[in-house]
Protein backbone atom coordinates (compact mmCIF):
# COMPACT_ATOMS: atom_id res chain seq x y z
CA MET A 1 -29.77 68.29 87.01
CA ASN A 2 -26.93 66.41 85.94
CA GLU A 3 -25.05 66.56 89.41
CA PHE A 4 -27.14 67.17 92.24
CA ILE A 5 -29.06 63.55 91.79
CA ARG A 6 -28.22 61.90 95.41
CA SER A 7 -30.13 58.80 94.57
CA LYS A 8 -28.51 55.01 93.38
CA GLU A 9 -31.03 54.75 90.53
CA VAL A 10 -33.95 56.60 88.88
CA ARG A 11 -36.07 54.83 86.26
CA LEU A 12 -35.11 56.45 83.32
CA ILE A 13 -36.93 58.01 79.43
CA ASP A 14 -35.02 59.23 77.07
CA GLU A 15 -34.98 62.14 74.69
CA ASN A 16 -37.54 60.22 72.50
CA GLY A 17 -39.90 59.35 75.59
CA GLU A 18 -38.88 55.69 75.83
CA ASN A 19 -38.40 53.70 79.71
CA HIS A 20 -35.35 52.41 80.08
CA GLY A 21 -36.87 51.39 83.03
CA VAL A 22 -34.70 51.36 86.24
CA VAL A 23 -31.31 51.63 85.65
CA PRO A 24 -27.41 53.19 87.97
CA THR A 25 -27.84 56.98 88.15
CA SER A 26 -24.09 56.75 86.39
CA LYS A 27 -25.12 55.09 83.33
CA ALA A 28 -28.12 57.71 83.12
CA ARG A 29 -25.42 60.42 83.18
CA GLN A 30 -23.48 58.63 80.54
CA MET A 31 -26.16 57.94 78.64
CA ALA A 32 -27.27 62.00 79.33
CA GLU A 33 -23.54 62.85 78.19
CA ASP A 34 -23.73 60.88 75.33
CA ALA A 35 -26.90 62.38 74.20
CA ASP A 36 -24.99 65.57 75.19
CA LEU A 37 -28.52 66.29 77.27
CA ASP A 38 -29.46 66.85 80.59
CA LEU A 39 -30.50 64.54 82.88
CA VAL A 40 -32.99 66.48 84.78
CA LEU A 41 -35.26 64.43 87.32
CA ILE A 42 -39.31 64.56 86.52
CA SER A 43 -40.49 63.07 89.70
CA PRO A 44 -38.03 63.22 92.88
CA ASN A 45 -40.38 61.82 95.09
CA GLN A 46 -41.39 58.79 93.87
CA ASN A 47 -39.33 55.39 94.68
CA PRO A 48 -36.68 55.67 92.33
CA PRO A 49 -37.11 59.05 91.19
CA VAL A 50 -37.70 59.03 87.67
CA ALA A 51 -35.49 60.70 85.36
CA LYS A 52 -35.75 62.52 82.24
CA ILE A 53 -32.77 62.75 79.39
CA LEU A 54 -34.12 65.97 77.68
CA ASP A 55 -32.32 70.07 76.90
CA TYR A 56 -32.90 71.65 80.49
CA GLY A 57 -32.62 75.18 78.81
CA LYS A 58 -35.87 73.97 76.38
CA TYR A 59 -37.53 72.71 79.26
CA LYS A 60 -37.41 75.12 81.52
CA TYR A 61 -37.99 77.98 78.65
CA GLU A 62 -41.11 75.60 77.89
CA GLN A 63 -42.39 75.47 81.76
CA ALA A 64 -42.34 79.39 81.43
CA LYS A 65 -43.89 79.30 78.54
CA LYS A 66 -46.91 77.10 79.87
CA ALA A 67 -46.36 79.10 83.77
CA LYS A 68 -47.76 82.24 81.51
CA GLU A 69 -49.69 80.46 79.72
CA ALA A 70 -51.75 79.54 82.63
CA LYS A 71 -51.80 83.09 84.13
CA LYS A 72 -53.18 84.84 81.10
CA LYS A 73 -56.22 82.12 81.44
CA GLN A 74 -56.60 83.60 84.90
CA LYS A 75 -59.55 85.92 86.52
CA VAL A 76 -58.65 88.49 88.96
CA VAL A 77 -61.53 88.51 90.67
CA GLU A 78 -61.70 92.11 92.34
CA ILE A 79 -63.89 93.75 95.51
CA LYS A 80 -65.89 96.64 94.38
CA GLU A 81 -67.09 98.71 97.12
CA VAL A 82 -70.74 100.47 96.70
CA LYS A 83 -70.52 103.40 100.10
CA MET A 84 -73.89 104.83 101.02
CA ARG A 85 -75.19 106.63 104.10
CA TYR A 86 -78.44 104.81 105.78
CA LYS A 87 -80.43 108.42 105.23
CA ILE A 88 -79.84 107.66 100.98
CA ASP A 89 -82.18 109.23 98.17
CA VAL A 90 -84.95 107.60 95.88
CA HIS A 91 -82.41 108.31 92.95
CA ASP A 92 -78.83 107.80 94.68
CA TYR A 93 -80.27 105.14 96.15
CA GLU A 94 -80.59 103.56 92.42
CA VAL A 95 -77.27 104.41 90.88
CA ARG A 96 -75.64 102.42 93.99
CA ILE A 97 -78.46 99.13 92.52
CA LYS A 98 -76.89 100.10 89.01
CA SER A 99 -73.26 100.18 89.66
CA ALA A 100 -73.43 96.71 92.31
CA ARG A 101 -75.31 95.43 89.36
CA LYS A 102 -72.43 96.22 86.93
CA PHE A 103 -69.87 95.21 89.35
CA ILE A 104 -71.35 91.69 89.71
CA SER A 105 -72.00 91.79 85.94
CA GLN A 106 -68.12 92.04 85.80
CA GLY A 107 -66.93 89.80 87.25
CA ASN A 108 -66.68 91.19 90.29
CA LYS A 109 -66.79 91.12 93.77
CA VAL A 110 -69.43 94.12 95.46
CA LYS A 111 -68.42 95.41 99.06
CA GLY A 112 -71.61 97.17 100.35
CA VAL A 113 -71.13 99.80 103.36
CA ILE A 114 -73.36 102.12 105.19
CA MET A 115 -71.66 104.68 106.82
CA LEU A 116 -72.43 105.67 109.59
CA ARG A 117 -71.84 109.48 111.52
CA GLY A 118 -71.95 110.49 114.95
CA ARG A 119 -75.16 109.91 116.96
CA GLU A 120 -76.37 107.94 114.06
CA MET A 121 -74.83 105.08 115.43
CA GLN A 122 -77.77 104.88 117.60
CA HIS A 123 -80.12 103.94 114.43
CA SER A 124 -77.82 101.90 113.29
CA ASN A 125 -81.33 99.12 112.88
CA LEU A 126 -82.36 101.62 110.05
CA ALA A 127 -78.39 100.46 108.06
CA PHE A 128 -79.98 97.06 108.59
CA ASP A 129 -82.93 97.79 107.47
CA LEU A 130 -81.34 99.54 104.07
CA ALA A 131 -78.86 96.31 103.94
CA LYS A 132 -81.47 94.07 103.29
CA ARG A 133 -83.32 96.70 101.17
CA PHE A 134 -80.23 96.90 99.14
CA ILE A 135 -79.45 92.99 99.08
CA ASP A 136 -82.98 91.91 98.07
CA ASP A 137 -83.00 94.38 95.10
CA MET A 138 -79.99 92.98 94.10
CA LEU A 139 -81.19 89.08 94.61
CA GLN A 140 -84.10 90.12 92.34
CA GLY A 141 -82.84 92.19 89.60
CA GLU A 142 -82.60 90.70 85.61
CA ILE A 143 -78.83 89.71 87.01
CA PRO A 144 -78.44 87.24 89.65
CA ALA A 145 -76.27 88.07 92.76
CA VAL A 146 -75.28 85.36 95.84
CA LEU A 147 -75.19 87.34 99.39
CA GLU A 148 -71.21 86.44 100.32
CA LYS A 149 -72.02 87.51 103.64
CA LYS A 150 -74.77 89.21 106.18
CA PRO A 151 -74.50 93.07 106.46
CA GLN A 152 -72.46 93.42 110.16
CA LEU A 153 -71.74 96.62 112.02
CA GLU A 154 -67.28 97.00 111.71
CA GLY A 155 -66.77 99.76 113.83
CA ARG A 156 -69.15 102.75 112.38
CA ASN A 157 -69.88 100.81 109.51
CA VAL A 158 -72.42 97.93 108.16
CA THR A 159 -70.67 96.27 105.38
CA PHE A 160 -71.83 92.85 103.28
CA TYR A 161 -70.50 91.47 100.28
CA LEU A 162 -72.40 90.26 97.07
CA THR A 163 -71.22 87.94 93.87
CA GLY A 164 -72.09 86.87 90.59
CA GLN A 165 -73.60 83.37 90.73
CA SER A 166 -70.75 80.68 89.67
C-alpha cells in the first residue's frame, strides 16, 4: 500500500483502468490521495512494478470472495479403506467389492487392506492372490477403476490403491 512502495517509479493504472505509463511513485501517491483512494502494488516483480489506484478495503474483500468461490468449487478426494482377510467368504467379498465401487463412483480413492495375523504371514502369497482378484474385479466392473499403487506388503498388511478414471 501507499507507504510501503519502495521503488522510485511505477507503471500506474488509475481507478478507471486507464494506463498512465511509468510515473514517479510520489506523483502516483499524490494522484491516489487526490482521488481519496489507495495506491496498491498489483505486480511487484515487474520492472517497473505495476501499481493501481483503488479502494484497498474493497480490493481485499473481492480477493477473499474469489478465494472462497474457488474453494467452494474444488472437490476434496478422500481415501476410503476396504479391509479384509485372505480367508474372506464369498458374500463378504462381494460386499467389499460393492462398497469399493460406491466409493469410487463418489470420486474417492480406495485403499484395499488385506490383514494378516500370526502364522498367516507365512501365507502372504494367498493375500497377494486375493488382492489381484479384487483388483481384476474392480477393473472389469461397470464403474471402471484404475490401479494407482500395486499390492505391497506393509508390516502385517497387504495394501493397494484404486482410483476412478479421470
